[in-house]
Amino acid sequence: MSNLVNKYIGLAGLACVIAGCSVLSKPAPVANDQYMLEYQAVSEQDVVDDAPVLLVTIPRAHGGYDTTGIAYMQQPYGLRYYTRSHWADTPARMLAPLVADAMQATGRFQALYTTPGSIAADLRLDMELIRFHQDFTRQPGAMQVTLRALLIDLQENRVIATQQFDITEPVETEDAYGGVVAANRAVGRLLDDLTGFCLANQPRQGN
């Protein structure tokens, strides 16, 4: 009788394996959140007929920031990255189309972003992304964004103006999402400053 019982138990176990049964629970999925940089101009103006074509290039990111990792700093000189939260693309690549949109919204530029030399343009805006991280070496923590801009007259092949922009935006929560929210606020301020810089240094038509 015991042999018959063992036989049924063995057959039941085999059937369970074949059916994909398991006494072990399936592992819970690991969250891997991706975040965007976004910007919405307060107002958008129609582009004037004689607006110069402004080519916005993708910023050159300094070491540590050419990555989709969301960076933070707990001690001077030391960058770390959140393991379960990332940018949807590198911050530099996400910035370029936002800058072009902000310039276009002024109505004073025909702005687009692409690689240098791919289209004919009047002006070019080159940028360097120097810092883009949450800074916890200070209290309260803050998002640090530093960008250097160069406005170039392509018709005369000369640099019109350069400026470095330093933005500090407090974080509401000291985690990845708090950094994302602060980064988007910082980018909004940065784009407002960048458009002001380009408008102030735009060559007068006919000069």
C-alpha atoms as a PDB file:
ATOM      1  CA  MET A   1       0.000   0.000   0.000  1.00  0.00           C
ATOM      2  CA  SER A   2       2.812   2.398   0.888  1.00  0.00           C
ATOM      3  CA  ASN A   3       4.385   1.838  -2.526  1.00  0.00           C
ATOM      4  CA  LEU A   4       1.103   2.761  -4.190  1.00  0.00           C
ATOM      5  CA  VAL A   5       0.826   5.952  -2.091  1.00  0.00           C
ATOM      6  CA  ASN A   6       4.417   6.908  -2.939  1.00  0.00           C
ATOM      7  CA  LYS A   7       3.670   6.301  -6.607  1.00  0.00           C
ATOM      8  CA  TYR A   8       0.685   8.694  -6.529  1.00  0.00           C
ATOM      9  CA  ILE A   9       2.706  11.347  -4.676  1.00  0.00           C
ATOM     10  CA  GLY A  10       5.458  11.079  -7.268  1.00  0.00           C
ATOM     11  CA  LEU A  11       3.003  11.393 -10.145  1.00  0.00           C
ATOM     12  CA  ALA A  12       1.353  14.399  -8.503  1.00  0.00           C
ATOM     13  CA  GLY A  13       4.738  16.072  -8.064  1.00  0.00           C
ATOM     14  CA  LEU A  14       5.655  15.439 -11.690  1.00  0.00           C
ATOM     15  CA  ALA A  15       2.335  16.888 -12.836  1.00  0.00           C
ATOM     16  CA  CYS A  16       2.948  19.973 -10.747  1.00  0.00           C
ATOM     17  CA  VAL A  17       6.373  20.524 -12.296  1.00  0.00           C
ATOM     18  CA  ILE A  18       4.992  20.058 -15.803  1.00  0.00           C
ATOM     19  CA  ALA A  19       2.175  22.515 -15.083  1.00  0.00           C
ATOM     20  CA  GLY A  20       4.680  25.087 -13.865  1.00  0.00           C
ATOM     21  CA  CYS A  21       3.667  24.865 -10.228  1.00  0.00           C
ATOM     22  CA  SER A  22       6.124  26.070  -7.635  1.00  0.00           C
ATOM     23  CA  VAL A  23       6.128  26.207  -3.909  1.00  0.00           C
ATOM     24  CA  LEU A  24       8.365  29.280  -4.175  1.00  0.00           C
ATOM     25  CA  SER A  25       6.684  32.664  -4.587  1.00  0.00           C
ATOM     26  CA  LYS A  26       7.666  34.744  -7.607  1.00  0.00           C
ATOM     27  CA  PRO A  27      10.150  37.535  -6.837  1.00  0.00           C
ATOM     28  CA  ALA A  28       8.613  40.984  -6.674  1.00  0.00           C
ATOM     29  CA  PRO A  29       9.618  43.241  -9.597  1.00  0.00           C
ATOM     30  CA  VAL A  30      12.310  45.792  -8.780  1.00  0.00           C
ATOM     31  CA  ALA A  31      11.175  49.353  -9.434  1.00  0.00           C
ATOM     32  CA  ASN A  32      13.363  51.220 -11.917  1.00  0.00           C
ATOM     33  CA  ASP A  33      11.898  54.681 -12.322  1.00  0.00           C
ATOM     34  CA  GLN A  34      12.810  56.961 -15.215  1.00  0.00           C
ATOM     35  CA  TYR A  35      12.319  60.731 -15.125  1.00  0.00           C
ATOM     36  CA  MET A  36      12.188  63.573 -17.649  1.00  0.00           C
ATOM     37  CA  LEU A  37      13.181  67.206 -17.764  1.00  0.00           C
ATOM     38  CA  GLU A  38      10.324  69.378 -18.976  1.00  0.00           C
ATOM     39  CA  TYR A  39       9.707  73.076 -19.580  1.00  0.00           C
ATOM     40  CA  GLN A  40       6.663  75.083 -20.553  1.00  0.00           C
ATOM     41  CA  ALA A  41       7.139  78.700 -21.619  1.00  0.00           C
ATOM     42  CA  VAL A  42       4.889  81.172 -19.811  1.00  0.00           C
ATOM     43  CA  SER A  43       3.942  82.731 -23.155  1.00  0.00           C
ATOM     44  CA  GLU A  44       4.748  81.954 -26.770  1.00  0.00           C
ATOM     45  CA  GLN A  45       5.185  84.652 -29.409  1.00  0.00           C
ATOM     46  CA  ASP A  46       4.824  84.232 -33.160  1.00  0.00           C
ATOM     47  CA  VAL A  47       8.230  84.178 -34.809  1.00  0.00           C
ATOM     48  CA  VAL A  48       8.950  87.415 -36.693  1.00  0.00           C
ATOM     49  CA  ASP A  49       9.649  87.113 -40.417  1.00  0.00           C
ATOM     50  CA  ASP A  50      13.298  88.170 -40.275  1.00  0.00           C
ATOM     51  CA  ALA A  51      14.188  86.185 -37.143  1.00  0.00           C
ATOM     52  CA  PRO A  52      17.672  84.657 -37.397  1.00  0.00           C
ATOM     53  CA  VAL A  53      18.105  80.902 -37.455  1.00  0.00           C
ATOM     54  CA  LEU A  54      19.594  79.812 -34.125  1.00  0.00           C
ATOM     55  CA  LEU A  55      21.224  76.400 -33.959  1.00  0.00           C
ATOM     56  CA  VAL A  56      21.199  74.919 -30.446  1.00  0.00           C
ATOM     57  CA  THR A  57      23.779  72.170 -30.013  1.00  0.00           C
ATOM     58  CA  ILE A  58      23.681  69.411 -27.414  1.00  0.00           C
ATOM     59  CA  PRO A  59      25.661  70.591 -24.364  1.00  0.00           C
ATOM     60  CA  ARG A  60      29.019  68.975 -23.730  1.00  0.00           C
ATOM     61  CA  ALA A  61      28.725  67.312 -20.320  1.00  0.00           C
ATOM     62  CA  HIS A  62      31.663  67.369 -17.940  1.00  0.00           C
ATOM     63  CA  GLY A  63      32.865  64.144 -16.316  1.00  0.00           C
ATOM     64  CA  GLY A  64      30.255  62.451 -14.154  1.00  0.00           C
ATOM     65  CA  TYR A  65      27.241  64.013 -15.866  1.00  0.00           C
ATOM     66  CA  ASP A  66      27.296  62.296 -19.270  1.00  0.00           C
ATOM     67  CA  THR A  67      25.098  59.514 -17.900  1.00  0.00           C
ATOM     68  CA  THR A  68      21.452  58.738 -17.198  1.00  0.00           C
ATOM     69  CA  GLY A  69      22.301  58.288 -13.534  1.00  0.00           C
ATOM     70  CA  ILE A  70      20.712  60.791 -11.135  1.00  0.00           C
ATOM     71  CA  ALA A  71      23.732  62.192  -9.342  1.00  0.00           C
ATOM     72  CA  TYR A  72      24.059  63.398  -5.772  1.00  0.00           C
ATOM     73  CA  MET A  73      26.927  64.473  -3.530  1.00  0.00           C
ATOM     74  CA  GLN A  74      27.270  63.691   0.191  1.00  0.00           C
ATOM     75  CA  GLN A  75      30.862  64.830   0.561  1.00  0.00           C
ATOM     76  CA  PRO A  76      32.998  67.262  -1.440  1.00  0.00           C
ATOM     77  CA  TYR A  77      34.316  65.895  -4.753  1.00  0.00           C
ATOM     78  CA  GLY A  78      32.345  62.622  -4.470  1.00  0.00           C
ATOM     79  CA  LEU A  79      29.496  61.888  -6.889  1.00  0.00           C
ATOM     80  CA  ARG A  80      27.093  59.017  -6.285  1.00  0.00           C
ATOM     81  CA  TYR A  81      24.059  57.820  -8.247  1.00  0.00           C
ATOM     82  CA  TYR A  82      20.681  56.447  -7.224  1.00  0.00           C
ATOM     83  CA  THR A  83      20.431  52.770  -8.135  1.00  0.00           C
ATOM     84  CA  ARG A  84      16.690  52.482  -8.835  1.00  0.00           C
ATOM     85  CA  SER A  85      15.991  55.868 -10.394  1.00  0.00           C
ATOM     86  CA  HIS A  86      17.413  57.233 -13.640  1.00  0.00           C
ATOM     87  CA  TRP A  87      16.934  60.004 -16.161  1.00  0.00           C
ATOM     88  CA  ALA A  88      15.180  58.886 -19.360  1.00  0.00           C
ATOM     89  CA  ASP A  89      18.208  60.258 -21.256  1.00  0.00           C
ATOM     90  CA  THR A  90      21.335  62.128 -20.237  1.00  0.00           C
ATOM     91  CA  PRO A  91      20.536  65.603 -18.845  1.00  0.00           C
ATOM     92  CA  ALA A  92      22.547  67.245 -21.648  1.00  0.00           C
ATOM     93  CA  ARG A  93      20.550  65.500 -24.369  1.00  0.00           C
ATOM     94  CA  MET A  94      17.266  66.370 -22.673  1.00  0.00           C
ATOM     95  CA  LEU A  95      18.288  70.015 -22.296  1.00  0.00           C
ATOM     96  CA  ALA A  96      18.948  70.737 -25.985  1.00  0.00           C
ATOM     97  CA  PRO A  97      15.337  70.534 -27.277  1.00  0.00           C
ATOM     98  CA  LEU A  98      14.072  72.439 -24.228  1.00  0.00           C
ATOM     99  CA  VAL A  99      16.524  75.273 -24.941  1.00  0.00           C
ATOM    100  CA  ALA A 100      15.418  75.363 -28.584  1.00  0.00           C
ATOM    101  CA  ASP A 101      11.741  75.489 -27.545  1.00  0.00           C
ATOM    102  CA  ALA A 102      12.427  78.306 -25.087  1.00  0.00           C
ATOM    103  CA  MET A 103      14.267  80.331 -27.748  1.00  0.00           C
ATOM    104  CA  GLN A 104      11.515  79.733 -30.302  1.00  0.00           C
ATOM    105  CA  ALA A 105       8.870  80.866 -27.811  1.00  0.00           C
ATOM    106  CA  THR A 106      10.416  84.351 -27.655  1.00  0.00           C
ATOM    107  CA  GLY A 107       9.456  84.937 -31.289  1.00  0.00           C
ATOM    108  CA  ARG A 108      12.913  86.382 -31.931  1.00  0.00           C
ATOM    109  CA  PHE A 109      14.626  83.224 -33.178  1.00  0.00           C
ATOM    110  CA  GLN A 110      13.965  80.374 -35.542  1.00  0.00           C
ATOM    111  CA  ALA A 111      15.474  77.860 -33.178  1.00  0.00           C
ATOM    112  CA  LEU A 112      16.223  74.199 -33.613  1.00  0.00           C
ATOM    113  CA  TYR A 113      18.664  71.698 -32.222  1.00  0.00           C
ATOM    114  CA  THR A 114      20.901  69.432 -34.250  1.00  0.00           C
ATOM    115  CA  THR A 115      24.577  68.711 -34.823  1.00  0.00           C
ATOM    116  CA  PRO A 116      26.863  71.591 -35.892  1.00  0.00           C
ATOM    117  CA  GLY A 117      27.187  72.065 -39.635  1.00  0.00           C
ATOM    118  CA  SER A 118      24.143  69.997 -40.527  1.00  0.00           C
ATOM    119  CA  ILE A 119      22.085  73.036 -41.600  1.00  0.00           C
ATOM    120  CA  ALA A 120      22.679  76.647 -42.556  1.00  0.00           C
ATOM    121  CA  ALA A 121      22.182  78.988 -39.597  1.00  0.00           C
ATOM    122  CA  ASP A 122      22.908  82.559 -38.538  1.00  0.00           C
ATOM    123  CA  LEU A 123      23.735  81.917 -34.888  1.00  0.00           C
ATOM    124  CA  ARG A 124      24.810  78.945 -32.800  1.00  0.00           C
ATOM    125  CA  LEU A 125      24.429  78.396 -29.087  1.00  0.00           C
ATOM    126  CA  ASP A 126      27.095  76.087 -27.664  1.00  0.00           C
ATOM    127  CA  MET A 127      26.851  74.952 -24.050  1.00  0.00           C
ATOM    128  CA  GLU A 128      28.826  73.058 -21.423  1.00  0.00           C
ATOM    129  CA  LEU A 129      27.040  71.279 -18.589  1.00  0.00           C
ATOM    130  CA  ILE A 130      29.431  71.694 -15.675  1.00  0.00           C
ATOM    131  CA  ARG A 131      27.281  70.569 -12.704  1.00  0.00           C
ATOM    132  CA  PHE A 132      23.979  68.731 -12.443  1.00  0.00           C
ATOM    133  CA  HIS A 133      23.559  67.056  -9.064  1.00  0.00           C
ATOM    134  CA  GLN A 134      21.850  67.157  -5.692  1.00  0.00           C
ATOM    135  CA  ASP A 135      24.154  68.636  -3.075  1.00  0.00           C
ATOM    136  CA  PHE A 136      23.767  67.190   0.408  1.00  0.00           C
ATOM    137  CA  THR A 137      27.013  68.701   1.694  1.00  0.00           C
ATOM    138  CA  ARG A 138      24.837  71.673   2.633  1.00  0.00           C
ATOM    139  CA  GLN A 139      21.681  71.812   4.723  1.00  0.00           C
ATOM    140  CA  PRO A 140      19.060  71.967   3.502  1.00  0.00           C
ATOM    141  CA  GLY A 141      20.021  69.992   0.413  1.00  0.00           C
ATOM    142  CA  ALA A 142      19.789  71.667  -2.972  1.00  0.00           C
ATOM    143  CA  MET A 143      19.985  70.930  -6.678  1.00  0.00           C
ATOM    144  CA  GLN A 144      23.065  72.443  -8.301  1.00  0.00           C
ATOM    145  CA  VAL A 145      23.023  73.259 -12.016  1.00  0.00           C
ATOM    146  CA  THR A 146      25.933  75.048 -13.663  1.00  0.00           C
ATOM    147  CA  LEU A 147      26.045  75.701 -17.396  1.00  0.00           C
ATOM    148  CA  ARG A 148      28.353  77.794 -19.574  1.00  0.00           C
ATOM    149  CA  ALA A 149      26.925  79.262 -22.790  1.00  0.00           C
ATOM    150  CA  LEU A 150      28.637  80.651 -25.894  1.00  0.00           C
ATOM    151  CA  LEU A 151      26.638  82.576 -28.507  1.00  0.00           C
ATOM    152  CA  ILE A 152      28.398  82.462 -31.875  1.00  0.00           C
ATOM    153  CA  ASP A 153      27.763  84.571 -34.976  1.00  0.00           C
ATOM    154  CA  LEU A 154      28.176  82.083 -37.824  1.00  0.00           C
ATOM    155  CA  GLN A 155      28.078  84.786 -40.488  1.00  0.00           C
ATOM    156  CA  GLU A 156      31.138  86.527 -39.057  1.00  0.00           C
ATOM    157  CA  ASN A 157      32.600  83.399 -37.441  1.00  0.00           C
ATOM    158  CA  ARG A 158      33.065  85.011 -34.028  1.00  0.00           C
ATOM    159  CA  VAL A 159      31.945  84.543 -30.442  1.00  0.00           C
ATOM    160  CA  ILE A 160      29.453  87.250 -29.549  1.00  0.00           C
ATOM    161  CA  ALA A 161      29.153  86.575 -25.824  1.00  0.00           C
ATOM    162  CA  THR A 162      29.815  83.995 -23.124  1.00  0.00           C
ATOM    163  CA  GLN A 163      28.259  83.568 -19.704  1.00  0.00           C
ATOM    164  CA  GLN A 164      28.174  81.004 -16.915  1.00  0.00           C
ATOM    165  CA  PHE A 165      24.873  80.312 -15.182  1.00  0.00           C
ATOM    166  CA  ASP A 166      24.774  78.936 -11.634  1.00  0.00           C
ATOM    167  CA  ILE A 167      21.384  77.800 -10.368  1.00  0.00           C
ATOM    168  CA  THR A 168      20.689  76.529  -6.834  1.00  0.00           C
ATOM    169  CA  GLU A 169      17.234  75.115  -6.155  1.00  0.00           C
ATOM    170  CA  PRO A 170      16.282  73.711  -2.701  1.00  0.00           C
ATOM    171  CA  VAL A 171      14.998  70.123  -2.596  1.00  0.00           C
ATOM    172  CA  GLU A 172      11.789  69.370  -0.725  1.00  0.00           C
ATOM    173  CA  THR A 173      12.706  65.733  -0.058  1.00  0.00           C
ATOM    174  CA  GLU A 174      16.183  64.237   0.077  1.00  0.00           C
ATOM    175  CA  ASP A 175      15.587  61.409  -2.376  1.00  0.00           C
ATOM    176  CA  ALA A 176      15.669  60.829  -6.122  1.00  0.00           C
ATOM    177  CA  TYR A 177      12.213  62.277  -6.786  1.00  0.00           C
ATOM    178  CA  GLY A 178      12.964  65.349  -4.690  1.00  0.00           C
ATOM    179  CA  GLY A 179      16.001  65.896  -6.907  1.00  0.00           C
ATOM    180  CA  VAL A 180      13.960  65.440 -10.077  1.00  0.00           C
ATOM    181  CA  VAL A 181      11.394  68.036  -8.996  1.00  0.00           C
ATOM    182  CA  ALA A 182      14.114  70.497  -7.979  1.00  0.00           C
ATOM    183  CA  ALA A 183      16.002  69.847 -11.230  1.00  0.00           C
ATOM    184  CA  ASN A 184      12.926  70.734 -13.289  1.00  0.00           C
ATOM    185  CA  ARG A 185      12.487  73.981 -11.343  1.00  0.00           C
ATOM    186  CA  ALA A 186      16.178  74.760 -11.798  1.00  0.00           C
ATOM    187  CA  VAL A 187      15.971  74.084 -15.536  1.00  0.00           C
ATOM    188  CA  GLY A 188      13.010  76.455 -15.806  1.00  0.00           C
ATOM    189  CA  ARG A 189      15.063  79.227 -14.200  1.00  0.00           C
ATOM    190  CA  LEU A 190      18.071  78.351 -16.344  1.00  0.00           C
ATOM    191  CA  LEU A 191      16.081  78.596 -19.579  1.00  0.00           C
ATOM    192  CA  ASP A 192      14.649  81.959 -18.568  1.00  0.00           C
ATOM    193  CA  ASP A 193      18.199  83.214 -17.961  1.00  0.00           C
ATOM    194  CA  LEU A 194      19.474  81.686 -21.214  1.00  0.00           C
ATOM    195  CA  THR A 195      16.773  83.332 -23.333  1.00  0.00           C
ATOM    196  CA  GLY A 196      17.533  86.664 -21.690  1.00  0.00           C
ATOM    197  CA  PHE A 197      21.235  86.183 -22.458  1.00  0.00           C
ATOM    198  CA  CYS A 198      20.593  85.409 -26.136  1.00  0.00           C
ATOM    199  CA  LEU A 199      18.091  88.247 -26.574  1.00  0.00           C
ATOM    200  CA  ALA A 200      20.452  90.760 -24.986  1.00  0.00           C
ATOM    201  CA  ASN A 201      23.319  89.727 -27.263  1.00  0.00           C
ATOM    202  CA  GLN A 202      21.407  89.084 -30.486  1.00  0.00           C
ATOM    203  CA  PRO A 203      23.017  91.033 -33.357  1.00  0.00           C
ATOM    204  CA  ARG A 204      20.822  93.695 -34.851  1.00  0.00           C
ATOM    205  CA  GLN A 205      19.521  92.810 -38.280  1.00  0.00           C
ATOM    206  CA  GLY A 206      21.431  94.529 -41.069  1.00  0.00           C
ATOM    207  CA  ASN A 207      24.627  94.973 -38.977  1.00  0.00           C
END
